[in-house]
Amino acid sequence: MTSVTRYRNREGKRPTDLRLLTALEQLLKSGENFTEISVQRIIEEAGVSRATFYFHFRDKSDLLTRLAGNLRNTLLGLAIKWDPADGEDGAARFADFFAEVISIHRENFPVLSAIRELAAYDPNVNDFYTADLEEFDNAVHKTLVDEQRSGSTSADLDAVAASRVIVWGGAQAIARHIAVDDGSGDAALAHELGKIWWYGAYRRPATDR
């Protein structure tokens, strides 16, 4: 399973903060519930002292958001690199993009689930979670506006509403899919998301309002 904390310095040793990040990641991926994981459990897994933990992190929620931040940067990087102007095979390219996104989400589902769970009652984590999607929303909105200016995307598309629907709705669809599907339906979901994004927004036929 891919780790979001893979790192080694020149001497082959990991900095203390990464030992703590890796410890939490391993505990979550072993099936432990985040709310039941104590700081004591984390420091035992990492092999560091409690004082060392609090030197690097405010609390375990801070540790979780730092861990998820590594994953967020990976996903946002994929989104920013995707260019709708690369060609008219956008649905297929979107399907490939979503196949990679779904794979990353599936491999790191315990971390993402913990973030979603904690966001429900921790304002700081909720701010992190919503900021993550807002950043993606902004990136998609920009590409839609750029495509409208070039004449490739219908002028009657409301770019604000469209980006909100496909980004926030897509995130919920992926989360639900991974929770109930064993992986056999990943390609189908990626295919449908690709079609919906491309033909539902980027290349939606113009209509009379």
N, C-alpha and C. Protein backbone atom coordinates (compact mmCIF):
# COMPACT_ATOMS: atom_id res chain seq x y z
N MET A 1 0.84 -1.19 0.00
CA MET A 1 0.00 0.00 0.00
C MET A 1 0.88 1.24 0.00
N THR A 2 0.56 2.18 -0.86
CA THR A 2 1.35 3.39 -0.98
C THR A 2 1.26 4.23 0.30
N SER A 3 2.40 4.71 0.75
CA SER A 3 2.44 5.55 1.93
C SER A 3 2.48 7.01 1.52
N VAL A 4 1.80 7.86 2.27
CA VAL A 4 1.86 9.29 1.99
C VAL A 4 2.98 9.95 2.78
N THR A 5 3.76 9.14 3.50
CA THR A 5 4.85 9.70 4.30
C THR A 5 6.20 9.13 3.91
N ARG A 6 6.30 8.54 2.72
CA ARG A 6 7.57 7.95 2.30
C ARG A 6 8.65 9.03 2.24
N TYR A 7 9.71 8.80 2.98
CA TYR A 7 10.80 9.78 3.01
C TYR A 7 12.02 9.15 3.63
N ARG A 8 13.16 9.44 3.08
CA ARG A 8 14.42 9.06 3.71
C ARG A 8 15.43 10.17 3.44
N ASN A 9 16.22 10.53 4.45
CA ASN A 9 17.27 11.50 4.17
C ASN A 9 18.54 10.77 3.75
N ARG A 10 19.62 11.49 3.58
CA ARG A 10 20.82 10.88 3.03
C ARG A 10 21.36 9.77 3.91
N GLU A 11 21.14 9.83 5.21
CA GLU A 11 21.66 8.82 6.12
C GLU A 11 20.66 7.68 6.31
N GLY A 12 19.55 7.74 5.63
CA GLY A 12 18.57 6.68 5.76
C GLY A 12 17.70 6.80 6.99
N LYS A 13 17.77 7.94 7.68
CA LYS A 13 16.98 8.14 8.88
C LYS A 13 15.84 9.11 8.60
N ARG A 14 14.73 8.92 9.30
CA ARG A 14 13.60 9.82 9.12
C ARG A 14 13.56 10.84 10.24
N PRO A 15 13.29 12.10 9.93
CA PRO A 15 13.11 13.09 10.98
C PRO A 15 12.00 12.66 11.94
N THR A 16 12.05 13.19 13.14
CA THR A 16 11.09 12.78 14.16
C THR A 16 9.65 13.03 13.76
N ASP A 17 9.39 14.17 13.12
CA ASP A 17 8.00 14.45 12.76
C ASP A 17 7.48 13.41 11.77
N LEU A 18 8.34 12.94 10.86
CA LEU A 18 7.89 11.93 9.91
C LEU A 18 7.72 10.57 10.57
N ARG A 19 8.47 10.31 11.63
CA ARG A 19 8.24 9.07 12.39
C ARG A 19 6.85 9.09 13.01
N LEU A 20 6.44 10.24 13.51
CA LEU A 20 5.10 10.36 14.09
C LEU A 20 4.02 10.28 13.03
N LEU A 21 4.24 10.92 11.88
CA LEU A 21 3.28 10.85 10.78
C LEU A 21 3.12 9.41 10.30
N THR A 22 4.24 8.72 10.16
CA THR A 22 4.20 7.33 9.70
C THR A 22 3.50 6.44 10.72
N ALA A 23 3.74 6.70 12.00
CA ALA A 23 3.11 5.91 13.05
C ALA A 23 1.59 6.03 12.97
N LEU A 24 1.08 7.26 12.83
CA LEU A 24 -0.37 7.44 12.74
C LEU A 24 -0.91 6.79 11.48
N GLU A 25 -0.21 6.96 10.37
CA GLU A 25 -0.66 6.36 9.12
C GLU A 25 -0.77 4.85 9.25
N GLN A 26 0.23 4.22 9.85
CA GLN A 26 0.22 2.77 10.01
C GLN A 26 -0.91 2.31 10.92
N LEU A 27 -1.16 3.06 11.99
CA LEU A 27 -2.24 2.70 12.90
C LEU A 27 -3.60 2.79 12.20
N LEU A 28 -3.80 3.84 11.42
CA LEU A 28 -5.06 4.00 10.70
C LEU A 28 -5.24 2.90 9.66
N LYS A 29 -4.17 2.60 8.93
CA LYS A 29 -4.27 1.60 7.87
C LYS A 29 -4.34 0.18 8.42
N SER A 30 -4.04 0.01 9.71
CA SER A 30 -4.21 -1.30 10.34
C SER A 30 -5.64 -1.52 10.80
N GLY A 31 -6.47 -0.46 10.68
CA GLY A 31 -7.88 -0.60 11.01
C GLY A 31 -8.31 0.09 12.29
N GLU A 32 -7.39 0.76 12.97
CA GLU A 32 -7.76 1.43 14.21
C GLU A 32 -8.53 2.72 13.92
N ASN A 33 -9.51 3.01 14.78
CA ASN A 33 -10.32 4.22 14.64
C ASN A 33 -9.57 5.41 15.20
N PHE A 34 -9.56 6.51 14.45
CA PHE A 34 -8.78 7.67 14.88
C PHE A 34 -9.19 8.17 16.25
N THR A 35 -10.48 8.23 16.52
CA THR A 35 -10.94 8.76 17.81
C THR A 35 -10.50 7.90 18.98
N GLU A 36 -10.16 6.65 18.72
CA GLU A 36 -9.74 5.73 19.78
C GLU A 36 -8.22 5.62 19.89
N ILE A 37 -7.50 6.26 18.98
CA ILE A 37 -6.04 6.23 19.03
C ILE A 37 -5.56 7.35 19.95
N SER A 38 -4.88 7.00 21.02
CA SER A 38 -4.38 8.00 21.96
C SER A 38 -3.00 8.50 21.54
N VAL A 39 -2.63 9.65 22.09
CA VAL A 39 -1.28 10.16 21.84
C VAL A 39 -0.25 9.15 22.35
N GLN A 40 -0.56 8.50 23.47
CA GLN A 40 0.34 7.49 24.02
C GLN A 40 0.57 6.36 23.02
N ARG A 41 -0.50 5.94 22.37
CA ARG A 41 -0.40 4.86 21.37
C ARG A 41 0.48 5.31 20.20
N ILE A 42 0.33 6.55 19.79
CA ILE A 42 1.12 7.07 18.67
C ILE A 42 2.60 7.15 19.01
N ILE A 43 2.92 7.66 20.21
CA ILE A 43 4.33 7.82 20.56
C ILE A 43 5.00 6.46 20.80
N GLU A 44 4.22 5.49 21.27
CA GLU A 44 4.78 4.14 21.41
C GLU A 44 5.11 3.55 20.05
N GLU A 45 4.20 3.77 19.09
CA GLU A 45 4.41 3.26 17.74
C GLU A 45 5.61 3.95 17.08
N ALA A 46 5.77 5.25 17.36
CA ALA A 46 6.85 6.02 16.74
C ALA A 46 8.17 5.88 17.49
N GLY A 47 8.09 5.48 18.75
CA GLY A 47 9.30 5.34 19.55
C GLY A 47 9.89 6.67 19.99
N VAL A 48 9.00 7.62 20.33
CA VAL A 48 9.46 8.93 20.80
C VAL A 48 8.76 9.26 22.11
N SER A 49 9.21 10.32 22.77
CA SER A 49 8.62 10.72 24.04
C SER A 49 7.40 11.60 23.82
N ARG A 50 6.60 11.74 24.87
CA ARG A 50 5.43 12.62 24.80
C ARG A 50 5.87 14.08 24.58
N ALA A 51 6.95 14.48 25.24
CA ALA A 51 7.45 15.84 25.07
C ALA A 51 7.86 16.10 23.62
N THR A 52 8.44 15.09 23.01
CA THR A 52 8.84 15.21 21.60
C THR A 52 7.63 15.37 20.71
N PHE A 53 6.58 14.60 21.00
CA PHE A 53 5.34 14.71 20.21
C PHE A 53 4.82 16.15 20.26
N TYR A 54 4.71 16.70 21.46
CA TYR A 54 4.12 18.04 21.60
C TYR A 54 5.07 19.15 21.14
N PHE A 55 6.33 18.83 20.97
CA PHE A 55 7.25 19.79 20.37
C PHE A 55 6.95 19.97 18.89
N HIS A 56 6.51 18.88 18.25
CA HIS A 56 6.26 18.90 16.80
C HIS A 56 4.80 19.17 16.43
N PHE A 57 3.86 18.75 17.30
CA PHE A 57 2.44 18.85 16.95
C PHE A 57 1.63 19.36 18.14
N ARG A 58 0.62 20.15 17.85
CA ARG A 58 -0.24 20.70 18.89
C ARG A 58 -1.02 19.60 19.59
N ASP A 59 -1.59 18.69 18.80
CA ASP A 59 -2.35 17.56 19.31
C ASP A 59 -2.46 16.53 18.19
N LYS A 60 -3.22 15.47 18.42
CA LYS A 60 -3.29 14.43 17.40
C LYS A 60 -4.09 14.88 16.17
N SER A 61 -4.98 15.85 16.34
CA SER A 61 -5.70 16.40 15.19
C SER A 61 -4.74 17.15 14.28
N ASP A 62 -3.81 17.86 14.89
CA ASP A 62 -2.78 18.57 14.12
C ASP A 62 -1.93 17.57 13.35
N LEU A 63 -1.61 16.46 13.98
CA LEU A 63 -0.85 15.39 13.32
C LEU A 63 -1.62 14.83 12.13
N LEU A 64 -2.91 14.62 12.31
CA LEU A 64 -3.73 14.07 11.23
C LEU A 64 -3.82 15.03 10.04
N THR A 65 -4.03 16.31 10.32
CA THR A 65 -4.14 17.26 9.20
C THR A 65 -2.81 17.40 8.46
N ARG A 66 -1.70 17.29 9.19
CA ARG A 66 -0.39 17.31 8.51
C ARG A 66 -0.24 16.09 7.61
N LEU A 67 -0.68 14.94 8.10
CA LEU A 67 -0.62 13.72 7.31
C LEU A 67 -1.49 13.85 6.06
N ALA A 68 -2.70 14.35 6.24
CA ALA A 68 -3.61 14.51 5.11
C ALA A 68 -3.12 15.60 4.16
N GLY A 69 -2.36 16.56 4.68
CA GLY A 69 -1.83 17.61 3.83
C GLY A 69 -0.89 17.08 2.76
N ASN A 70 -0.11 16.06 3.10
CA ASN A 70 0.76 15.43 2.10
C ASN A 70 -0.07 14.87 0.96
N LEU A 71 -1.17 14.23 1.33
CA LEU A 71 -2.06 13.63 0.34
C LEU A 71 -2.76 14.71 -0.49
N ARG A 72 -3.19 15.77 0.16
CA ARG A 72 -3.86 16.87 -0.53
C ARG A 72 -2.96 17.47 -1.60
N ASN A 73 -1.69 17.65 -1.27
CA ASN A 73 -0.76 18.24 -2.23
C ASN A 73 -0.61 17.35 -3.46
N THR A 74 -0.60 16.04 -3.25
CA THR A 74 -0.50 15.10 -4.37
C THR A 74 -1.71 15.22 -5.28
N LEU A 75 -2.90 15.21 -4.68
CA LEU A 75 -4.14 15.26 -5.47
C LEU A 75 -4.30 16.60 -6.18
N LEU A 76 -3.99 17.69 -5.48
CA LEU A 76 -4.13 19.00 -6.11
C LEU A 76 -3.13 19.15 -7.25
N GLY A 77 -1.95 18.58 -7.09
CA GLY A 77 -0.97 18.62 -8.16
C GLY A 77 -1.47 17.94 -9.42
N LEU A 78 -2.17 16.82 -9.25
CA LEU A 78 -2.76 16.13 -10.40
C LEU A 78 -3.80 17.00 -11.08
N ALA A 79 -4.64 17.65 -10.27
CA ALA A 79 -5.72 18.48 -10.81
C ALA A 79 -5.17 19.68 -11.58
N ILE A 80 -4.16 20.30 -11.03
CA ILE A 80 -3.60 21.50 -11.67
C ILE A 80 -2.93 21.16 -12.99
N LYS A 81 -2.32 19.97 -13.07
CA LYS A 81 -1.63 19.56 -14.30
C LYS A 81 -2.60 19.24 -15.44
N TRP A 82 -3.87 18.91 -15.08
CA TRP A 82 -4.82 18.50 -16.12
C TRP A 82 -5.25 19.72 -16.93
N ASP A 83 -5.09 19.64 -18.24
CA ASP A 83 -5.39 20.78 -19.12
C ASP A 83 -6.47 20.38 -20.13
N PRO A 84 -7.68 20.96 -20.02
CA PRO A 84 -8.75 20.61 -20.96
C PRO A 84 -8.43 20.98 -22.40
N ALA A 85 -7.48 21.88 -22.59
CA ALA A 85 -7.13 22.31 -23.94
C ALA A 85 -6.18 21.35 -24.65
N ASP A 86 -5.81 20.26 -23.99
CA ASP A 86 -4.88 19.31 -24.59
C ASP A 86 -5.48 18.54 -25.77
N GLY A 87 -6.80 18.55 -25.89
CA GLY A 87 -7.43 17.83 -27.00
C GLY A 87 -8.89 17.56 -26.72
N GLU A 88 -9.58 17.07 -27.76
CA GLU A 88 -11.02 16.82 -27.62
C GLU A 88 -11.32 15.40 -27.12
N ASP A 89 -10.29 14.69 -26.67
CA ASP A 89 -10.50 13.38 -26.05
C ASP A 89 -10.60 13.55 -24.54
N GLY A 90 -11.19 14.67 -24.12
CA GLY A 90 -11.24 15.02 -22.71
C GLY A 90 -11.91 14.00 -21.82
N ALA A 91 -12.96 13.34 -22.29
CA ALA A 91 -13.66 12.35 -21.46
C ALA A 91 -12.72 11.20 -21.12
N ALA A 92 -11.95 10.75 -22.10
CA ALA A 92 -11.01 9.65 -21.87
C ALA A 92 -9.87 10.11 -20.95
N ARG A 93 -9.39 11.32 -21.17
CA ARG A 93 -8.31 11.84 -20.32
C ARG A 93 -8.80 12.07 -18.90
N PHE A 94 -10.04 12.54 -18.76
CA PHE A 94 -10.63 12.68 -17.43
C PHE A 94 -10.77 11.32 -16.76
N ALA A 95 -11.16 10.30 -17.52
CA ALA A 95 -11.30 8.96 -16.96
C ALA A 95 -9.96 8.47 -16.42
N ASP A 96 -8.88 8.71 -17.15
CA ASP A 96 -7.55 8.32 -16.68
C ASP A 96 -7.18 9.10 -15.42
N PHE A 97 -7.52 10.39 -15.41
CA PHE A 97 -7.25 11.23 -14.25
C PHE A 97 -7.98 10.69 -13.02
N PHE A 98 -9.28 10.39 -13.20
CA PHE A 98 -10.06 9.91 -12.06
C PHE A 98 -9.65 8.50 -11.63
N ALA A 99 -9.18 7.69 -12.56
CA ALA A 99 -8.68 6.36 -12.18
C ALA A 99 -7.51 6.51 -11.20
N GLU A 100 -6.64 7.47 -11.47
CA GLU A 100 -5.51 7.72 -10.58
C GLU A 100 -5.98 8.31 -9.25
N VAL A 101 -6.93 9.23 -9.31
CA VAL A 101 -7.47 9.84 -8.10
C VAL A 101 -8.14 8.80 -7.21
N ILE A 102 -8.95 7.94 -7.82
CA ILE A 102 -9.65 6.90 -7.06
C ILE A 102 -8.65 5.93 -6.44
N SER A 103 -7.60 5.59 -7.19
CA SER A 103 -6.57 4.70 -6.66
C SER A 103 -5.90 5.29 -5.43
N ILE A 104 -5.57 6.57 -5.50
CA ILE A 104 -4.93 7.25 -4.37
C ILE A 104 -5.89 7.31 -3.18
N HIS A 105 -7.15 7.63 -3.45
CA HIS A 105 -8.15 7.67 -2.38
C HIS A 105 -8.33 6.30 -1.74
N ARG A 106 -8.37 5.26 -2.56
CA ARG A 106 -8.58 3.92 -2.01
C ARG A 106 -7.41 3.50 -1.13
N GLU A 107 -6.19 3.75 -1.61
CA GLU A 107 -5.00 3.38 -0.86
C GLU A 107 -4.91 4.12 0.47
N ASN A 108 -5.46 5.33 0.50
CA ASN A 108 -5.36 6.16 1.70
C ASN A 108 -6.72 6.43 2.34
N PHE A 109 -7.67 5.55 2.08
CA PHE A 109 -9.03 5.75 2.57
C PHE A 109 -9.10 5.90 4.09
N PRO A 110 -8.32 5.13 4.88
CA PRO A 110 -8.39 5.31 6.34
C PRO A 110 -8.02 6.73 6.78
N VAL A 111 -7.04 7.33 6.13
CA VAL A 111 -6.63 8.69 6.47
C VAL A 111 -7.73 9.68 6.10
N LEU A 112 -8.28 9.54 4.90
CA LEU A 112 -9.34 10.45 4.44
C LEU A 112 -10.61 10.28 5.27
N SER A 113 -10.91 9.05 5.65
CA SER A 113 -12.10 8.80 6.49
C SER A 113 -11.94 9.47 7.84
N ALA A 114 -10.74 9.40 8.40
CA ALA A 114 -10.49 10.04 9.69
C ALA A 114 -10.67 11.55 9.60
N ILE A 115 -10.20 12.14 8.50
CA ILE A 115 -10.36 13.59 8.30
C ILE A 115 -11.84 13.95 8.21
N ARG A 116 -12.60 13.18 7.43
CA ARG A 116 -14.03 13.48 7.28
C ARG A 116 -14.76 13.32 8.61
N GLU A 117 -14.40 12.29 9.37
CA GLU A 117 -15.03 12.06 10.67
C GLU A 117 -14.73 13.20 11.63
N LEU A 118 -13.49 13.59 11.70
CA LEU A 118 -13.09 14.64 12.64
C LEU A 118 -13.61 16.00 12.23
N ALA A 119 -13.76 16.22 10.93
CA ALA A 119 -14.25 17.51 10.43
C ALA A 119 -15.66 17.81 10.93
N ALA A 120 -16.41 16.77 11.29
CA ALA A 120 -17.79 16.95 11.73
C ALA A 120 -17.88 17.68 13.07
N TYR A 121 -16.82 17.60 13.89
CA TYR A 121 -16.92 18.25 15.20
C TYR A 121 -15.66 19.04 15.60
N ASP A 122 -14.65 19.06 14.76
CA ASP A 122 -13.45 19.85 15.05
C ASP A 122 -13.35 20.98 14.03
N PRO A 123 -13.60 22.23 14.45
CA PRO A 123 -13.60 23.36 13.50
C PRO A 123 -12.30 23.50 12.73
N ASN A 124 -11.16 23.24 13.39
CA ASN A 124 -9.88 23.38 12.70
C ASN A 124 -9.73 22.37 11.58
N VAL A 125 -10.16 21.14 11.85
CA VAL A 125 -10.08 20.09 10.84
C VAL A 125 -11.10 20.35 9.74
N ASN A 126 -12.27 20.85 10.12
CA ASN A 126 -13.29 21.17 9.11
C ASN A 126 -12.77 22.26 8.16
N ASP A 127 -12.08 23.25 8.73
CA ASP A 127 -11.50 24.30 7.90
C ASP A 127 -10.49 23.72 6.92
N PHE A 128 -9.70 22.77 7.40
CA PHE A 128 -8.70 22.12 6.54
C PHE A 128 -9.40 21.35 5.42
N TYR A 129 -10.43 20.58 5.80
CA TYR A 129 -11.13 19.73 4.83
C TYR A 129 -11.82 20.56 3.75
N THR A 130 -12.51 21.62 4.18
CA THR A 130 -13.22 22.44 3.20
C THR A 130 -12.24 23.25 2.35
N ALA A 131 -11.13 23.69 2.94
CA ALA A 131 -10.13 24.43 2.18
C ALA A 131 -9.54 23.56 1.08
N ASP A 132 -9.39 22.27 1.38
CA ASP A 132 -8.89 21.32 0.40
C ASP A 132 -9.77 21.31 -0.84
N LEU A 133 -11.08 21.14 -0.65
CA LEU A 133 -12.00 21.10 -1.78
C LEU A 133 -12.18 22.47 -2.42
N GLU A 134 -12.13 23.51 -1.62
CA GLU A 134 -12.26 24.86 -2.18
C GLU A 134 -11.10 25.17 -3.14
N GLU A 135 -9.91 24.69 -2.79
CA GLU A 135 -8.75 24.93 -3.66
C GLU A 135 -8.94 24.20 -4.99
N PHE A 136 -9.44 22.98 -4.94
CA PHE A 136 -9.72 22.21 -6.14
C PHE A 136 -10.84 22.88 -6.93
N ASP A 137 -11.88 23.32 -6.22
CA ASP A 137 -13.01 24.02 -6.84
C ASP A 137 -12.51 25.25 -7.60
N ASN A 138 -11.64 26.02 -6.97
CA ASN A 138 -11.11 27.23 -7.61
C ASN A 138 -10.32 26.89 -8.87
N ALA A 139 -9.55 25.81 -8.81
CA ALA A 139 -8.74 25.41 -9.97
C ALA A 139 -9.64 25.00 -11.13
N VAL A 140 -10.70 24.24 -10.83
CA VAL A 140 -11.63 23.81 -11.88
C VAL A 140 -12.40 25.00 -12.43
N HIS A 141 -12.84 25.89 -11.55
CA HIS A 141 -13.56 27.08 -11.99
C HIS A 141 -12.72 27.88 -12.98
N LYS A 142 -11.44 28.03 -12.68
CA LYS A 142 -10.55 28.79 -13.57
C LYS A 142 -10.47 28.15 -14.95
N THR A 143 -10.35 26.82 -14.99
CA THR A 143 -10.25 26.16 -16.31
C THR A 143 -11.55 26.30 -17.08
N LEU A 144 -12.69 26.27 -16.40
CA LEU A 144 -13.98 26.44 -17.08
C LEU A 144 -14.09 27.85 -17.67
N VAL A 145 -13.71 28.84 -16.89
CA VAL A 145 -13.76 30.23 -17.38
C VAL A 145 -12.81 30.41 -18.57
N ASP A 146 -11.62 29.85 -18.46
CA ASP A 146 -10.65 29.94 -19.56
C ASP A 146 -11.20 29.29 -20.83
N GLU A 147 -11.86 28.14 -20.66
CA GLU A 147 -12.43 27.44 -21.81
C GLU A 147 -13.60 28.21 -22.41
N GLN A 148 -14.38 28.90 -21.56
CA GLN A 148 -15.45 29.75 -22.08
C GLN A 148 -14.88 30.90 -22.89
N ARG A 149 -13.82 31.49 -22.41
CA ARG A 149 -13.21 32.62 -23.11
C ARG A 149 -12.66 32.19 -24.47
N SER A 150 -12.19 30.95 -24.55
CA SER A 150 -11.65 30.46 -25.82
C SER A 150 -12.74 29.98 -26.76
N GLY A 151 -13.99 29.90 -26.25
CA GLY A 151 -15.10 29.44 -27.06
C GLY A 151 -15.29 27.94 -27.07
N SER A 152 -14.49 27.21 -26.27
CA SER A 152 -14.58 25.75 -26.24
C SER A 152 -15.69 25.25 -25.32
N THR A 153 -15.98 26.02 -24.27
CA THR A 153 -17.04 25.67 -23.34
C THR A 153 -18.21 26.62 -23.54
N SER A 154 -19.41 26.08 -23.47
CA SER A 154 -20.61 26.86 -23.72
C SER A 154 -20.68 28.11 -22.85
N ALA A 155 -21.05 29.23 -23.47
CA ALA A 155 -21.15 30.50 -22.75
C ALA A 155 -22.29 30.49 -21.74
N ASP A 156 -23.29 29.60 -21.94
CA ASP A 156 -24.42 29.59 -21.02
C ASP A 156 -24.15 28.73 -19.78
N LEU A 157 -22.96 28.18 -19.68
CA LEU A 157 -22.59 27.43 -18.48
C LEU A 157 -22.31 28.40 -17.34
N ASP A 158 -22.89 28.16 -16.18
CA ASP A 158 -22.56 28.94 -14.99
C ASP A 158 -21.33 28.28 -14.36
N ALA A 159 -20.16 28.87 -14.56
CA ALA A 159 -18.91 28.24 -14.14
C ALA A 159 -18.83 28.04 -12.63
N VAL A 160 -19.37 28.98 -11.86
CA VAL A 160 -19.34 28.86 -10.40
C VAL A 160 -20.16 27.66 -9.95
N ALA A 161 -21.40 27.58 -10.44
CA ALA A 161 -22.28 26.47 -10.05
C ALA A 161 -21.76 25.14 -10.57
N ALA A 162 -21.27 25.14 -11.80
CA ALA A 162 -20.80 23.89 -12.41
C ALA A 162 -19.60 23.32 -11.67
N SER A 163 -18.62 24.16 -11.36
CA SER A 163 -17.44 23.67 -10.65
C SER A 163 -17.81 23.17 -9.26
N ARG A 164 -18.76 23.83 -8.63
CA ARG A 164 -19.20 23.42 -7.29
C ARG A 164 -19.86 22.04 -7.35
N VAL A 165 -20.69 21.82 -8.35
CA VAL A 165 -21.39 20.54 -8.48
C VAL A 165 -20.42 19.41 -8.75
N ILE A 166 -19.54 19.60 -9.75
CA ILE A 166 -18.68 18.48 -10.14
C ILE A 166 -17.56 18.22 -9.13
N VAL A 167 -17.06 19.25 -8.46
CA VAL A 167 -15.98 19.04 -7.49
C VAL A 167 -16.52 18.47 -6.19
N TRP A 168 -17.47 19.16 -5.57
CA TRP A 168 -17.98 18.71 -4.27
C TRP A 168 -18.82 17.45 -4.42
N GLY A 169 -19.62 17.39 -5.49
CA GLY A 169 -20.40 16.18 -5.72
C GLY A 169 -19.52 15.00 -6.08
N GLY A 170 -18.48 15.25 -6.88
CA GLY A 170 -17.56 14.19 -7.25
C GLY A 170 -16.82 13.63 -6.05
N ALA A 171 -16.42 14.50 -5.13
CA ALA A 171 -15.71 14.05 -3.92
C ALA A 171 -16.59 13.13 -3.08
N GLN A 172 -17.87 13.50 -2.94
CA GLN A 172 -18.80 12.66 -2.19
C GLN A 172 -19.03 11.33 -2.89
N ALA A 173 -19.12 11.36 -4.22
CA ALA A 173 -19.34 10.13 -4.98
C ALA A 173 -18.17 9.17 -4.83
N ILE A 174 -16.95 9.70 -4.88
CA ILE A 174 -15.76 8.85 -4.73
C ILE A 174 -15.70 8.26 -3.33
N ALA A 175 -15.98 9.08 -2.31
CA ALA A 175 -15.95 8.59 -0.93
C ALA A 175 -16.98 7.48 -0.72
N ARG A 176 -18.18 7.68 -1.23
CA ARG A 176 -19.24 6.67 -1.09
C ARG A 176 -18.87 5.40 -1.85
N HIS A 177 -18.35 5.57 -3.05
CA HIS A 177 -17.98 4.42 -3.88
C HIS A 177 -16.94 3.55 -3.18
N ILE A 178 -15.89 4.17 -2.64
CA ILE A 178 -14.83 3.40 -2.00
C ILE A 178 -15.34 2.69 -0.75
N ALA A 179 -16.31 3.31 -0.07
CA ALA A 179 -16.87 2.70 1.14
C ALA A 179 -17.68 1.45 0.85
N VAL A 180 -18.28 1.37 -0.34
CA VAL A 180 -19.20 0.25 -0.63
C VAL A 180 -18.72 -0.67 -1.74
N ASP A 181 -17.65 -0.31 -2.45
CA ASP A 181 -17.19 -1.10 -3.59
C ASP A 181 -15.84 -1.73 -3.27
N ASP A 182 -15.64 -2.96 -3.74
CA ASP A 182 -14.40 -3.67 -3.44
C ASP A 182 -13.25 -3.34 -4.39
N GLY A 183 -13.48 -2.42 -5.29
CA GLY A 183 -12.44 -2.04 -6.24
C GLY A 183 -12.76 -2.49 -7.66
N SER A 184 -13.68 -3.44 -7.77
CA SER A 184 -14.01 -3.95 -9.10
C SER A 184 -14.75 -2.91 -9.95
N GLY A 185 -15.36 -1.93 -9.29
CA GLY A 185 -16.10 -0.91 -10.02
C GLY A 185 -15.35 0.40 -10.20
N ASP A 186 -14.06 0.42 -9.85
CA ASP A 186 -13.29 1.66 -9.93
C ASP A 186 -13.20 2.21 -11.35
N ALA A 187 -12.94 1.32 -12.31
CA ALA A 187 -12.80 1.77 -13.70
C ALA A 187 -14.11 2.34 -14.22
N ALA A 188 -15.23 1.71 -13.84
CA ALA A 188 -16.54 2.19 -14.29
C ALA A 188 -16.83 3.57 -13.71
N LEU A 189 -16.51 3.76 -12.43
CA LEU A 189 -16.75 5.08 -11.82
C LEU A 189 -15.88 6.14 -12.47
N ALA A 190 -14.62 5.82 -12.71
CA ALA A 190 -13.72 6.77 -13.37
C ALA A 190 -14.25 7.13 -14.76
N HIS A 191 -14.75 6.13 -15.48
CA HIS A 191 -15.30 6.35 -16.82
C HIS A 191 -16.51 7.28 -16.76
N GLU A 192 -17.42 7.04 -15.82
CA GLU A 192 -18.63 7.86 -15.71
C GLU A 192 -18.29 9.28 -15.26
N LEU A 193 -17.38 9.41 -14.32
CA LEU A 193 -16.97 10.75 -13.90
C LEU A 193 -16.35 11.52 -15.06
N GLY A 194 -15.54 10.83 -15.86
CA GLY A 194 -14.94 11.48 -17.02
C GLY A 194 -15.98 12.00 -17.99
N LYS A 195 -17.00 11.19 -18.26
CA LYS A 195 -18.08 11.60 -19.17
C LYS A 195 -18.88 12.76 -18.59
N ILE A 196 -19.20 12.67 -17.31
CA ILE A 196 -20.00 13.71 -16.66
C ILE A 196 -19.26 15.04 -16.66
N TRP A 197 -18.00 15.03 -16.29
CA TRP A 197 -17.23 16.27 -16.25
C TRP A 197 -17.08 16.86 -17.65
N TRP A 198 -16.73 16.02 -18.63
CA TRP A 198 -16.43 16.54 -19.96
C TRP A 198 -17.69 16.99 -20.69
N TYR A 199 -18.67 16.08 -20.77
CA TYR A 199 -19.88 16.40 -21.54
C TYR A 199 -20.93 17.15 -20.72
N GLY A 200 -20.80 17.10 -19.40
CA GLY A 200 -21.75 17.83 -18.56
C GLY A 200 -21.33 19.26 -18.28
N ALA A 201 -20.04 19.54 -18.46
CA ALA A 201 -19.54 20.89 -18.18
C ALA A 201 -18.66 21.42 -19.30
N TYR A 202 -17.50 20.81 -19.48
CA TYR A 202 -16.53 21.36 -20.44
C TYR A 202 -17.02 21.39 -21.88
N ARG A 203 -17.79 20.39 -22.28
CA ARG A 203 -18.27 20.35 -23.66
C ARG A 203 -19.78 20.15 -23.71
N ARG A 204 -20.47 20.73 -22.76
CA ARG A 204 -21.92 20.65 -22.73
C ARG A 204 -22.50 21.45 -23.89
N PRO A 205 -23.46 20.88 -24.62
CA PRO A 205 -24.08 21.62 -25.73
C PRO A 205 -24.77 22.88 -25.23
N ALA A 206 -24.68 23.94 -25.99
CA ALA A 206 -25.36 25.19 -25.64
C ALA A 206 -26.86 25.00 -25.72
N THR A 207 -27.59 25.59 -24.80
CA THR A 207 -29.06 25.49 -24.79
C THR A 207 -29.65 26.87 -24.56
N ASP A 208 -30.89 27.04 -24.97
CA ASP A 208 -31.60 28.29 -24.70
C ASP A 208 -32.08 28.27 -23.27
N ARG A 209 -31.86 29.35 -22.56
CA ARG A 209 -32.31 29.41 -21.17
C ARG A 209 -33.80 29.70 -21.11
